[in-house]
Amino acid sequence: AVDPVASGGGLVQPGGSLRLSCTAPKYAFNNFEYSWVRQTPGNRLEWVSTINRYGTVPSYADSVKGRFTISRDTVNMVYLQLDSLKTDDTAMYYCVRTDQLGLVLGLTTYWGQGTQVNVSS
């Protein structure tokens, strides 16, 4: 299986918005929950958000609740809308299948293709 690929990052000012996209393998896409995680240099990977298989039950880390919105389609895309961005949100963002989340969060460095978000004035 191919790992999910994240895209859509960039440089944005504090208070700004970005929409991250995740292209996941199409095979059995609707059988799996998906999550977003992020990592800053020198820090551990941090869970950000999870969406269930049906796209009906999102969950968020306290640090992003009310500012980020996760969603998915029924084909192979997962999205993360980032609003009211703060400098603390600066990180490399990755999309992972939730059944692999425990493994990924235990890593020093994740091998997946992430997308860099830089929040700076």
Protein backbone atom coordinates (compact mmCIF):
# COMPACT_ATOMS: atom_id res chain seq x y z
CA ALA A 1 0.00 0.00 0.00
CA VAL A 2 1.14 3.54 -0.69
CA ASP A 3 1.31 6.00 2.18
CA PRO A 4 -0.99 9.04 2.13
CA VAL A 5 0.51 12.21 0.63
CA ALA A 6 -0.14 15.61 2.20
CA SER A 7 -0.12 18.89 0.28
CA GLY A 8 -1.32 22.48 0.52
CA GLY A 9 1.06 23.92 3.06
CA GLY A 10 2.77 27.28 2.76
CA LEU A 11 3.64 30.54 4.43
CA VAL A 12 0.80 32.45 6.06
CA GLN A 13 0.50 35.33 8.50
CA PRO A 14 -0.91 34.83 12.00
CA GLY A 15 -4.69 34.80 11.81
CA GLY A 16 -4.63 33.47 8.27
CA SER A 17 -5.96 30.24 6.79
CA LEU A 18 -4.76 27.28 4.79
CA ARG A 19 -6.42 24.14 3.49
CA LEU A 20 -4.34 20.99 3.60
CA SER A 21 -5.17 18.04 1.37
CA CYS A 22 -4.30 14.38 1.78
CA THR A 23 -4.35 11.97 -1.13
CA ALA A 24 -4.84 8.48 0.27
CA PRO A 25 -4.81 5.10 -1.48
CA LYS A 26 -8.17 4.52 -3.14
CA TYR A 27 -8.31 0.84 -2.25
CA ALA A 28 -10.61 0.36 0.74
CA PHE A 29 -10.42 4.08 1.52
CA ASN A 30 -13.85 4.05 3.14
CA ASN A 31 -12.81 1.24 5.49
CA PHE A 32 -10.38 3.40 7.42
CA GLU A 33 -10.32 6.39 9.71
CA TYR A 34 -7.71 9.01 8.90
CA SER A 35 -5.78 11.41 11.07
CA TRP A 36 -3.52 14.42 10.82
CA VAL A 37 -0.36 14.70 12.86
CA ARG A 38 2.35 17.37 12.94
CA GLN A 39 5.95 17.75 13.96
CA THR A 40 8.19 20.70 14.71
CA PRO A 41 11.99 20.40 14.65
CA GLY A 42 13.29 18.82 17.81
CA ASN A 43 9.84 17.83 19.00
CA ARG A 44 7.80 14.67 18.93
CA LEU A 45 5.03 14.00 16.49
CA GLU A 46 1.76 15.40 17.81
CA TRP A 47 -1.76 14.21 17.04
CA VAL A 48 -3.92 16.96 15.57
CA SER A 49 -7.22 15.51 14.39
CA THR A 50 -9.07 12.33 13.36
CA ILE A 51 -12.10 11.71 11.17
CA ASN A 52 -14.12 8.50 11.23
CA ARG A 53 -14.83 6.31 8.19
CA TYR A 54 -18.08 8.06 7.35
CA GLY A 55 -16.80 11.60 7.79
CA THR A 56 -19.36 12.24 10.52
CA VAL A 57 -17.32 12.20 13.72
CA PRO A 58 -14.30 14.49 13.91
CA SER A 59 -12.02 14.83 16.92
CA TYR A 60 -9.37 17.45 17.66
CA ALA A 61 -6.46 18.15 19.94
CA ASP A 62 -7.25 20.89 22.44
CA SER A 63 -4.59 23.08 20.86
CA VAL A 64 -6.50 23.28 17.56
CA LYS A 65 -10.12 22.80 18.61
CA GLY A 66 -12.33 25.53 17.22
CA ARG A 67 -9.74 26.58 14.67
CA PHE A 68 -9.14 23.48 12.53
CA THR A 69 -11.72 21.43 10.65
CA ILE A 70 -11.16 17.93 9.31
CA SER A 71 -13.23 16.44 6.53
CA ARG A 72 -13.09 13.72 3.87
CA ASP A 73 -14.75 12.63 0.69
CA THR A 74 -15.80 9.14 -0.33
CA VAL A 75 -13.07 8.57 -2.91
CA ASN A 76 -9.62 9.12 -1.44
CA MET A 77 -9.22 12.66 -0.08
CA VAL A 78 -8.90 13.92 3.47
CA TYR A 79 -8.77 17.64 4.23
CA LEU A 80 -7.70 19.85 7.11
CA GLN A 81 -8.92 23.43 7.11
CA LEU A 82 -6.64 25.59 9.22
CA ASP A 83 -8.13 28.90 10.38
CA SER A 84 -6.99 31.53 12.87
CA LEU A 85 -3.46 30.23 12.52
CA LYS A 86 -0.91 30.91 15.23
CA THR A 87 2.87 30.85 15.12
CA ASP A 88 2.71 27.71 17.29
CA ASP A 89 0.98 25.92 14.40
CA THR A 90 4.20 26.07 12.38
CA ALA A 91 5.09 22.44 11.68
CA MET A 92 5.32 19.69 9.11
CA TYR A 93 1.87 18.17 8.76
CA TYR A 94 1.27 14.54 7.84
CA CYS A 95 -1.80 12.49 7.04
CA VAL A 96 -1.89 8.93 8.39
CA ARG A 97 -4.31 6.06 8.58
CA THR A 98 -5.58 6.02 12.11
CA ASP A 99 -4.83 2.32 12.67
CA GLN A 100 -1.17 3.30 12.28
CA LEU A 101 -1.41 6.33 14.53
CA GLY A 102 0.07 4.66 17.60
CA LEU A 103 3.10 3.51 15.65
CA VAL A 104 3.59 6.89 14.00
CA LEU A 105 3.36 8.89 17.23
CA GLY A 106 6.11 6.72 18.71
CA LEU A 107 8.53 7.60 15.95
CA THR A 108 11.27 10.21 16.07
CA THR A 109 10.76 10.97 12.42
CA TYR A 110 7.91 9.87 10.18
CA TRP A 111 8.74 8.71 6.67
CA GLY A 112 5.55 9.91 4.98
CA GLN A 113 5.30 12.85 2.60
CA GLY A 114 4.18 15.83 4.65
CA THR A 115 3.48 19.46 3.90
CA GLN A 116 5.16 22.36 5.68
CA VAL A 117 3.05 25.06 7.29
CA ASN A 118 4.84 28.23 8.32
CA VAL A 119 2.95 30.87 10.28
CA SER A 120 4.92 34.07 10.51
CA SER A 121 4.49 37.80 10.18
